[in-house]
């Protein structure tokens, strides 16, 4: 039986993306509620891998503010989304 390459690629992507999205979706939902209002529109989640939540800040000033509150954010994220297993927040400047 012949298998189309496109079908195989789609199956592989579904296997690797779905578990990752399942872990990230609740974090995305909680993120806006957890952030201080001045950061909410200026910081966005980029990735979650091996317990490290990568967040892009719109400027170095927002990155600095996010780093200041990151320990508290990790604690609160662990309470609200324990299955995501967020242990650290890595802040990068977007752009």
PDB file of N, CA and C in Angstrom:
ATOM      1  N   UNK A   1       0.836  -1.175   0.000  1.00  0.00           N
ATOM      2  CA  UNK A   1       0.000   0.000   0.000  1.00  0.00           C
ATOM      3  C   UNK A   1       0.885   1.244   0.000  1.00  0.00           C
ATOM      4  N   UNK A   2       0.631   2.120  -0.906  1.00  0.00           N
ATOM      5  CA  UNK A   2       1.418   3.351  -1.019  1.00  0.00           C
ATOM      6  C   UNK A   2       0.866   4.401  -0.063  1.00  0.00           C
ATOM      7  N   UNK A   3       1.792   5.142   0.543  1.00  0.00           N
ATOM      8  CA  UNK A   3       1.406   6.212   1.461  1.00  0.00           C
ATOM      9  C   UNK A   3       1.894   7.522   0.862  1.00  0.00           C
ATOM     10  N   UNK A   4       1.008   8.500   0.815  1.00  0.00           N
ATOM     11  CA  UNK A   4       1.393   9.801   0.261  1.00  0.00           C
ATOM     12  C   UNK A   4       2.253  10.542   1.270  1.00  0.00           C
ATOM     13  N   UNK A   5       3.273  11.191   0.771  1.00  0.00           N
ATOM     14  CA  UNK A   5       4.193  11.937   1.621  1.00  0.00           C
ATOM     15  C   UNK A   5       3.463  13.028   2.403  1.00  0.00           C
ATOM     16  N   UNK A   6       2.555  13.727   1.749  1.00  0.00           N
ATOM     17  CA  UNK A   6       1.805  14.793   2.414  1.00  0.00           C
ATOM     18  C   UNK A   6       1.006  14.278   3.606  1.00  0.00           C
ATOM     19  N   UNK A   7       0.408  13.097   3.462  1.00  0.00           N
ATOM     20  CA  UNK A   7      -0.353  12.504   4.561  1.00  0.00           C
ATOM     21  C   UNK A   7       0.557  12.156   5.730  1.00  0.00           C
ATOM     22  N   UNK A   8       1.717  11.624   5.420  1.00  0.00           N
ATOM     23  CA  UNK A   8       2.676  11.269   6.469  1.00  0.00           C
ATOM     24  C   UNK A   8       3.169  12.494   7.215  1.00  0.00           C
ATOM     25  N   UNK A   9       3.439  13.564   6.486  1.00  0.00           N
ATOM     26  CA  UNK A   9       3.901  14.805   7.105  1.00  0.00           C
ATOM     27  C   UNK A   9       2.816  15.377   8.010  1.00  0.00           C
ATOM     28  N   UNK A  10       1.577  15.360   7.554  1.00  0.00           N
ATOM     29  CA  UNK A  10       0.471  15.876   8.364  1.00  0.00           C
ATOM     30  C   UNK A  10       0.306  15.068   9.648  1.00  0.00           C
ATOM     31  N   UNK A  11       0.410  13.753   9.559  1.00  0.00           N
ATOM     32  CA  UNK A  11       0.291  12.917  10.749  1.00  0.00           C
ATOM     33  C   UNK A  11       1.418  13.216  11.734  1.00  0.00           C
ATOM     34  N   UNK A  12       2.614  13.386  11.234  1.00  0.00           N
ATOM     35  CA  UNK A  12       3.754  13.695  12.091  1.00  0.00           C
ATOM     36  C   UNK A  12       3.567  15.048  12.771  1.00  0.00           C
ATOM     37  N   UNK A  13       3.104  16.039  12.040  1.00  0.00           N
ATOM     38  CA  UNK A  13       2.870  17.364  12.618  1.00  0.00           C
ATOM     39  C   UNK A  13       1.790  17.303  13.687  1.00  0.00           C
ATOM     40  N   UNK A  14       0.731  16.554  13.439  1.00  0.00           N
ATOM     41  CA  UNK A  14      -0.344  16.446  14.423  1.00  0.00           C
ATOM     42  C   UNK A  14       0.160  15.799  15.704  1.00  0.00           C
ATOM     43  N   UNK A  15       1.000  14.796  15.575  1.00  0.00           N
ATOM     44  CA  UNK A  15       1.533  14.120  16.757  1.00  0.00           C
ATOM     45  C   UNK A  15       2.427  15.030  17.582  1.00  0.00           C
ATOM     46  N   UNK A  16       3.201  15.889  16.921  1.00  0.00           N
ATOM     47  CA  UNK A  16       4.125  16.744  17.655  1.00  0.00           C
ATOM     48  C   UNK A  16       3.484  18.048  18.108  1.00  0.00           C
ATOM     49  N   UNK A  17       2.506  18.569  17.381  1.00  0.00           N
ATOM     50  CA  UNK A  17       1.906  19.859  17.706  1.00  0.00           C
ATOM     51  C   UNK A  17       0.796  19.727  18.744  1.00  0.00           C
ATOM     52  N   UNK A  18      -0.038  18.730  18.657  1.00  0.00           N
ATOM     53  CA  UNK A  18      -1.181  18.623  19.552  1.00  0.00           C
ATOM     54  C   UNK A  18      -0.792  18.557  21.029  1.00  0.00           C
ATOM     55  N   UNK A  19       0.141  17.712  21.440  1.00  0.00           N
ATOM     56  CA  UNK A  19       0.488  17.706  22.867  1.00  0.00           C
ATOM     57  C   UNK A  19       1.065  19.043  23.326  1.00  0.00           C
ATOM     58  N   UNK A  20       1.823  19.672  22.477  1.00  0.00           N
ATOM     59  CA  UNK A  20       2.416  20.959  22.821  1.00  0.00           C
ATOM     60  C   UNK A  20       1.338  22.027  22.955  1.00  0.00           C
ATOM     61  N   UNK A  21       0.389  22.036  22.033  1.00  0.00           N
ATOM     62  CA  UNK A  21      -0.702  23.004  22.104  1.00  0.00           C
ATOM     63  C   UNK A  21      -1.572  22.747  23.329  1.00  0.00           C
ATOM     64  N   UNK A  22      -1.803  21.479  23.634  1.00  0.00           N
ATOM     65  CA  UNK A  22      -2.624  21.133  24.795  1.00  0.00           C
ATOM     66  C   UNK A  22      -2.009  21.690  26.075  1.00  0.00           C
ATOM     67  N   UNK A  23      -0.707  21.739  26.150  1.00  0.00           N
ATOM     68  CA  UNK A  23      -0.024  22.277  27.319  1.00  0.00           C
ATOM     69  C   UNK A  23      -0.009  23.801  27.291  1.00  0.00           C
ATOM     70  N   UNK A  24       0.094  24.379  26.116  1.00  0.00           N
ATOM     71  CA  UNK A  24       0.229  25.831  25.976  1.00  0.00           C
ATOM     72  C   UNK A  24      -1.113  26.563  26.023  1.00  0.00           C
ATOM     73  N   UNK A  25      -2.180  25.947  25.556  1.00  0.00           N
ATOM     74  CA  UNK A  25      -3.475  26.622  25.474  1.00  0.00           C
ATOM     75  C   UNK A  25      -3.949  27.194  26.813  1.00  0.00           C
ATOM     76  N   UNK A  26      -3.924  26.435  27.896  1.00  0.00           N
ATOM     77  CA  UNK A  26      -4.362  27.020  29.171  1.00  0.00           C
ATOM     78  C   UNK A  26      -3.454  28.157  29.644  1.00  0.00           C
ATOM     79  N   UNK A  27      -2.178  28.064  29.343  1.00  0.00           N
ATOM     80  CA  UNK A  27      -1.237  29.126  29.711  1.00  0.00           C
ATOM     81  C   UNK A  27      -1.589  30.403  28.956  1.00  0.00           C
ATOM     82  N   UNK A  28      -1.888  30.279  27.681  1.00  0.00           N
ATOM     83  CA  UNK A  28      -2.286  31.439  26.881  1.00  0.00           C
ATOM     84  C   UNK A  28      -3.557  32.076  27.439  1.00  0.00           C
ATOM     85  N   UNK A  29      -4.490  31.254  27.875  1.00  0.00           N
ATOM     86  CA  UNK A  29      -5.744  31.767  28.411  1.00  0.00           C
ATOM     87  C   UNK A  29      -5.527  32.542  29.713  1.00  0.00           C
ATOM     88  N   UNK A  30      -4.633  32.072  30.552  1.00  0.00           N
ATOM     89  CA  UNK A  30      -4.388  32.701  31.856  1.00  0.00           C
ATOM     90  C   UNK A  30      -3.453  33.907  31.767  1.00  0.00           C
ATOM     91  N   UNK A  31      -2.641  33.956  30.736  1.00  0.00           N
ATOM     92  CA  UNK A  31      -1.570  34.943  30.635  1.00  0.00           C
ATOM     93  C   UNK A  31      -2.054  36.377  30.815  1.00  0.00           C
ATOM     94  N   UNK A  32      -3.071  36.761  30.097  1.00  0.00           N
ATOM     95  CA  UNK A  32      -3.558  38.149  30.164  1.00  0.00           C
ATOM     96  C   UNK A  32      -4.053  38.511  31.560  1.00  0.00           C
ATOM     97  N   UNK A  33      -4.642  37.545  32.259  1.00  0.00           N
ATOM     98  CA  UNK A  33      -5.123  37.806  33.619  1.00  0.00           C
ATOM     99  C   UNK A  33      -3.983  37.932  34.620  1.00  0.00           C
ATOM    100  N   UNK A  34      -2.902  37.256  34.371  1.00  0.00           N
ATOM    101  CA  UNK A  34      -1.781  37.245  35.310  1.00  0.00           C
ATOM    102  C   UNK A  34      -0.889  38.476  35.193  1.00  0.00           C
ATOM    103  N   UNK A  35      -0.795  39.022  34.004  1.00  0.00           N
ATOM    104  CA  UNK A  35       0.120  40.149  33.786  1.00  0.00           C
ATOM    105  C   UNK A  35      -0.423  41.450  34.368  1.00  0.00           C
ATOM    106  N   UNK A  36       0.463  42.277  34.874  1.00  0.00           N
ATOM    107  CA  UNK A  36       0.035  43.625  35.242  1.00  0.00           C
ATOM    108  C   UNK A  36      -0.500  44.336  33.985  1.00  0.00           C
ATOM    109  N   UNK A  37      -1.499  45.187  34.129  1.00  0.00           N
ATOM    110  CA  UNK A  37      -2.138  45.824  32.962  1.00  0.00           C
ATOM    111  C   UNK A  37      -1.154  46.533  32.030  1.00  0.00           C
ATOM    112  N   UNK A  38      -0.125  47.157  32.572  1.00  0.00           N
ATOM    113  CA  UNK A  38       0.820  47.887  31.712  1.00  0.00           C
ATOM    114  C   UNK A  38       1.659  46.957  30.834  1.00  0.00           C
ATOM    115  N   UNK A  39       1.725  45.674  31.197  1.00  0.00           N
ATOM    116  CA  UNK A  39       2.497  44.717  30.395  1.00  0.00           C
ATOM    117  C   UNK A  39       1.626  43.902  29.445  1.00  0.00           C
ATOM    118  N   UNK A  40       0.349  43.794  29.745  1.00  0.00           N
ATOM    119  CA  UNK A  40      -0.539  42.894  29.002  1.00  0.00           C
ATOM    120  C   UNK A  40      -0.507  43.103  27.491  1.00  0.00           C
ATOM    121  N   UNK A  41      -0.519  44.327  27.041  1.00  0.00           N
ATOM    122  CA  UNK A  41      -0.521  44.579  25.607  1.00  0.00           C
ATOM    123  C   UNK A  41       0.858  44.641  24.986  1.00  0.00           C
ATOM    124  N   UNK A  42       1.882  44.465  25.804  1.00  0.00           N
ATOM    125  CA  UNK A  42       3.248  44.636  25.312  1.00  0.00           C
ATOM    126  C   UNK A  42       4.134  43.414  25.486  1.00  0.00           C
ATOM    127  N   UNK A  43       3.554  42.312  25.950  1.00  0.00           N
ATOM    128  CA  UNK A  43       4.308  41.068  26.129  1.00  0.00           C
ATOM    129  C   UNK A  43       3.462  39.911  25.632  1.00  0.00           C
ATOM    130  N   UNK A  44       4.067  39.029  24.858  1.00  0.00           N
ATOM    131  CA  UNK A  44       3.309  37.899  24.315  1.00  0.00           C
ATOM    132  C   UNK A  44       4.106  36.611  24.459  1.00  0.00           C
ATOM    133  N   UNK A  45       3.396  35.530  24.671  1.00  0.00           N
ATOM    134  CA  UNK A  45       4.032  34.219  24.791  1.00  0.00           C
ATOM    135  C   UNK A  45       4.491  33.765  23.419  1.00  0.00           C
ATOM    136  N   UNK A  46       5.723  33.283  23.375  1.00  0.00           N
ATOM    137  CA  UNK A  46       6.298  32.780  22.130  1.00  0.00           C
ATOM    138  C   UNK A  46       6.350  31.258  22.136  1.00  0.00           C
ATOM    139  N   UNK A  47       6.726  30.678  23.292  1.00  0.00           N
ATOM    140  CA  UNK A  47       6.934  29.240  23.331  1.00  0.00           C
ATOM    141  C   UNK A  47       6.891  28.741  24.770  1.00  0.00           C
ATOM    142  N   UNK A  48       6.664  27.457  24.914  1.00  0.00           N
ATOM    143  CA  UNK A  48       6.776  26.766  26.196  1.00  0.00           C
ATOM    144  C   UNK A  48       7.435  25.440  25.919  1.00  0.00           C
ATOM    145  N   UNK A  49       8.656  25.286  26.436  1.00  0.00           N
ATOM    146  CA  UNK A  49       9.392  24.050  26.202  1.00  0.00           C
ATOM    147  C   UNK A  49      10.228  23.716  27.434  1.00  0.00           C
ATOM    148  N   UNK A  50      10.108  22.484  27.887  1.00  0.00           N
ATOM    149  CA  UNK A  50      10.885  21.996  29.032  1.00  0.00           C
ATOM    150  C   UNK A  50      10.749  22.891  30.257  1.00  0.00           C
ATOM    151  N   UNK A  51       9.546  23.379  30.506  1.00  0.00           N
ATOM    152  CA  UNK A  51       9.290  24.197  31.676  1.00  0.00           C
ATOM    153  C   UNK A  51       9.682  25.654  31.542  1.00  0.00           C
ATOM    154  N   UNK A  52      10.223  26.026  30.395  1.00  0.00           N
ATOM    155  CA  UNK A  52      10.629  27.421  30.177  1.00  0.00           C
ATOM    156  C   UNK A  52       9.612  28.108  29.271  1.00  0.00           C
ATOM    157  N   UNK A  53       8.981  29.136  29.814  1.00  0.00           N
ATOM    158  CA  UNK A  53       8.020  29.935  29.060  1.00  0.00           C
ATOM    159  C   UNK A  53       8.782  31.110  28.452  1.00  0.00           C
ATOM    160  N   UNK A  54       8.840  31.172  27.129  1.00  0.00           N
ATOM    161  CA  UNK A  54       9.522  32.266  26.448  1.00  0.00           C
ATOM    162  C   UNK A  54       8.492  33.336  26.117  1.00  0.00           C
ATOM    163  N   UNK A  55       8.808  34.562  26.537  1.00  0.00           N
ATOM    164  CA  UNK A  55       7.894  35.680  26.354  1.00  0.00           C
ATOM    165  C   UNK A  55       8.638  36.798  25.638  1.00  0.00           C
ATOM    166  N   UNK A  56       8.034  37.363  24.607  1.00  0.00           N
ATOM    167  CA  UNK A  56       8.612  38.487  23.864  1.00  0.00           C
ATOM    168  C   UNK A  56       8.005  39.785  24.380  1.00  0.00           C
ATOM    169  N   UNK A  57       8.874  40.719  24.720  1.00  0.00           N
ATOM    170  CA  UNK A  57       8.443  42.040  25.180  1.00  0.00           C
ATOM    171  C   UNK A  57       8.665  43.038  24.055  1.00  0.00           C
ATOM    172  N   UNK A  58       7.796  44.040  23.976  1.00  0.00           N
ATOM    173  CA  UNK A  58       7.846  45.016  22.893  1.00  0.00           C
ATOM    174  C   UNK A  58       9.072  45.931  22.960  1.00  0.00           C
ATOM    175  N   UNK A  59       9.669  46.075  24.127  1.00  0.00           N
ATOM    176  CA  UNK A  59      10.854  46.920  24.266  1.00  0.00           C
ATOM    177  C   UNK A  59      11.680  46.423  25.444  1.00  0.00           C
ATOM    178  N   UNK A  60      12.882  46.955  25.568  1.00  0.00           N
ATOM    179  CA  UNK A  60      13.736  46.558  26.692  1.00  0.00           C
ATOM    180  C   UNK A  60      13.140  47.019  28.023  1.00  0.00           C
ATOM    181  N   UNK A  61      12.421  48.125  28.022  1.00  0.00           N
ATOM    182  CA  UNK A  61      11.779  48.598  29.255  1.00  0.00           C
ATOM    183  C   UNK A  61      10.705  47.608  29.718  1.00  0.00           C
ATOM    184  N   UNK A  62       9.893  47.117  28.789  1.00  0.00           N
ATOM    185  CA  UNK A  62       8.883  46.124  29.147  1.00  0.00           C
ATOM    186  C   UNK A  62       9.539  44.803  29.551  1.00  0.00           C
ATOM    187  N   UNK A  63      10.622  44.454  28.885  1.00  0.00           N
ATOM    188  CA  UNK A  63      11.351  43.236  29.243  1.00  0.00           C
ATOM    189  C   UNK A  63      11.866  43.328  30.679  1.00  0.00           C
ATOM    190  N   UNK A  64      12.396  44.478  31.044  1.00  0.00           N
ATOM    191  CA  UNK A  64      12.891  44.696  32.400  1.00  0.00           C
ATOM    192  C   UNK A  64      11.759  44.547  33.415  1.00  0.00           C
ATOM    193  N   UNK A  65      10.635  45.181  33.157  1.00  0.00           N
ATOM    194  CA  UNK A  65       9.486  45.095  34.060  1.00  0.00           C
ATOM    195  C   UNK A  65       8.995  43.651  34.186  1.00  0.00           C
ATOM    196  N   UNK A  66       8.987  42.935  33.073  1.00  0.00           N
ATOM    197  CA  UNK A  66       8.547  41.543  33.099  1.00  0.00           C
ATOM    198  C   UNK A  66       9.508  40.684  33.911  1.00  0.00           C
ATOM    199  N   UNK A  67      10.794  40.931  33.768  1.00  0.00           N
ATOM    200  CA  UNK A  67      11.781  40.182  34.555  1.00  0.00           C
ATOM    201  C   UNK A  67      11.594  40.428  36.051  1.00  0.00           C
ATOM    202  N   UNK A  68      11.242  41.647  36.422  1.00  0.00           N
ATOM    203  CA  UNK A  68      11.034  41.973  37.831  1.00  0.00           C
ATOM    204  C   UNK A  68       9.885  41.163  38.453  1.00  0.00           C
ATOM    205  N   UNK A  69       8.865  40.905  37.685  1.00  0.00           N
ATOM    206  CA  UNK A  69       7.711  40.188  38.236  1.00  0.00           C
ATOM    207  C   UNK A  69       7.661  38.720  37.802  1.00  0.00           C
ATOM    208  N   UNK A  70       8.695  38.223  37.132  1.00  0.00           N
ATOM    209  CA  UNK A  70       8.647  36.864  36.582  1.00  0.00           C
ATOM    210  C   UNK A  70       8.539  35.780  37.654  1.00  0.00           C
ATOM    211  N   UNK A  71       9.199  35.942  38.796  1.00  0.00           N
ATOM    212  CA  UNK A  71       9.101  34.919  39.843  1.00  0.00           C
ATOM    213  C   UNK A  71       7.665  34.794  40.340  1.00  0.00           C
ATOM    214  N   UNK A  72       7.009  35.916  40.543  1.00  0.00           N
ATOM    215  CA  UNK A  72       5.614  35.905  40.967  1.00  0.00           C
ATOM    216  C   UNK A  72       4.716  35.300  39.884  1.00  0.00           C
ATOM    217  N   UNK A  73       4.997  35.639  38.636  1.00  0.00           N
ATOM    218  CA  UNK A  73       4.211  35.083  37.526  1.00  0.00           C
ATOM    219  C   UNK A  73       4.356  33.566  37.453  1.00  0.00           C
ATOM    220  N   UNK A  74       5.574  33.070  37.654  1.00  0.00           N
ATOM    221  CA  UNK A  74       5.801  31.615  37.634  1.00  0.00           C
ATOM    222  C   UNK A  74       4.992  30.957  38.749  1.00  0.00           C
ATOM    223  N   UNK A  75       5.037  31.524  39.953  1.00  0.00           N
ATOM    224  CA  UNK A  75       4.271  30.961  41.074  1.00  0.00           C
ATOM    225  C   UNK A  75       2.782  30.917  40.765  1.00  0.00           C
ATOM    226  N   UNK A  76       2.273  31.990  40.246  1.00  0.00           N
ATOM    227  CA  UNK A  76       0.844  32.060  39.937  1.00  0.00           C
ATOM    228  C   UNK A  76       0.472  31.137  38.784  1.00  0.00           C
ATOM    229  N   UNK A  77       1.362  31.015  37.794  1.00  0.00           N
ATOM    230  CA  UNK A  77       1.116  30.120  36.666  1.00  0.00           C
ATOM    231  C   UNK A  77       1.109  28.663  37.145  1.00  0.00           C
ATOM    232  N   UNK A  78       1.992  28.343  38.077  1.00  0.00           N
ATOM    233  CA  UNK A  78       2.026  26.981  38.619  1.00  0.00           C
ATOM    234  C   UNK A  78       0.740  26.657  39.369  1.00  0.00           C
ATOM    235  N   UNK A  79       0.162  27.653  40.012  1.00  0.00           N
ATOM    236  CA  UNK A  79      -1.105  27.439  40.717  1.00  0.00           C
ATOM    237  C   UNK A  79      -2.268  27.273  39.753  1.00  0.00           C
ATOM    238  N   UNK A  80      -2.309  28.086  38.722  1.00  0.00           N
ATOM    239  CA  UNK A  80      -3.452  28.077  37.791  1.00  0.00           C
ATOM    240  C   UNK A  80      -3.347  27.008  36.712  1.00  0.00           C
ATOM    241  N   UNK A  81      -2.124  26.703  36.290  1.00  0.00           N
ATOM    242  CA  UNK A  81      -1.904  25.727  35.207  1.00  0.00           C
ATOM    243  C   UNK A  81      -0.810  24.744  35.610  1.00  0.00           C
ATOM    244  N   UNK A  82      -1.041  23.926  36.629  1.00  0.00           N
ATOM    245  CA  UNK A  82       0.027  23.048  37.109  1.00  0.00           C
ATOM    246  C   UNK A  82       0.505  22.034  36.068  1.00  0.00           C
ATOM    247  N   UNK A  83      -0.369  21.592  35.183  1.00  0.00           N
ATOM    248  CA  UNK A  83       0.009  20.612  34.165  1.00  0.00           C
ATOM    249  C   UNK A  83       0.987  21.184  33.134  1.00  0.00           C
ATOM    250  N   UNK A  84       1.055  22.508  33.006  1.00  0.00           N
ATOM    251  CA  UNK A  84       1.986  23.129  32.051  1.00  0.00           C
ATOM    252  C   UNK A  84       3.421  23.065  32.561  1.00  0.00           C
ATOM    253  N   UNK A  85       3.591  22.939  33.877  1.00  0.00           N
ATOM    254  CA  UNK A  85       4.905  22.784  34.505  1.00  0.00           C
ATOM    255  C   UNK A  85       5.862  23.926  34.186  1.00  0.00           C
ATOM    256  N   UNK A  86       5.358  25.158  34.217  1.00  0.00           N
ATOM    257  CA  UNK A  86       6.205  26.331  33.987  1.00  0.00           C
ATOM    258  C   UNK A  86       7.116  26.499  35.192  1.00  0.00           C
ATOM    259  N   UNK A  87       8.429  26.508  34.948  1.00  0.00           N
ATOM    260  CA  UNK A  87       9.416  26.671  36.015  1.00  0.00           C
ATOM    261  C   UNK A  87      10.163  27.992  35.912  1.00  0.00           C
ATOM    262  N   UNK A  88      10.317  28.484  34.696  1.00  0.00           N
ATOM    263  CA  UNK A  88      11.044  29.745  34.486  1.00  0.00           C
ATOM    264  C   UNK A  88      10.392  30.519  33.351  1.00  0.00           C
ATOM    265  N   UNK A  89      10.688  31.811  33.340  1.00  0.00           N
ATOM    266  CA  UNK A  89      10.251  32.659  32.228  1.00  0.00           C
ATOM    267  C   UNK A  89      11.497  33.269  31.608  1.00  0.00           C
ATOM    268  N   UNK A  90      11.639  33.048  30.326  1.00  0.00           N
ATOM    269  CA  UNK A  90      12.736  33.651  29.558  1.00  0.00           C
ATOM    270  C   UNK A  90      12.146  34.838  28.801  1.00  0.00           C
ATOM    271  N   UNK A  91      12.726  35.994  29.006  1.00  0.00           N
ATOM    272  CA  UNK A  91      12.213  37.213  28.366  1.00  0.00           C
ATOM    273  C   UNK A  91      13.143  37.611  27.234  1.00  0.00           C
ATOM    274  N   UNK A  92      12.570  37.841  26.068  1.00  0.00           N
ATOM    275  CA  UNK A  92      13.324  38.325  24.916  1.00  0.00           C
ATOM    276  C   UNK A  92      12.677  39.622  24.441  1.00  0.00           C
ATOM    277  N   UNK A  93      13.474  40.484  23.842  1.00  0.00           N
ATOM    278  CA  UNK A  93      12.952  41.731  23.296  1.00  0.00           C
ATOM    279  C   UNK A  93      12.525  41.468  21.861  1.00  0.00           C
ATOM    280  N   UNK A  94      11.307  41.824  21.544  1.00  0.00           N
ATOM    281  CA  UNK A  94      10.736  41.603  20.214  1.00  0.00           C
ATOM    282  C   UNK A  94      11.174  42.721  19.284  1.00  0.00           C
ATOM    283  N   UNK A  95      11.941  42.372  18.297  1.00  0.00           N
ATOM    284  CA  UNK A  95      12.333  43.345  17.298  1.00  0.00           C
ATOM    285  C   UNK A  95      13.603  43.957  17.531  1.00  0.00           C
TER     286      UNK A  95
END
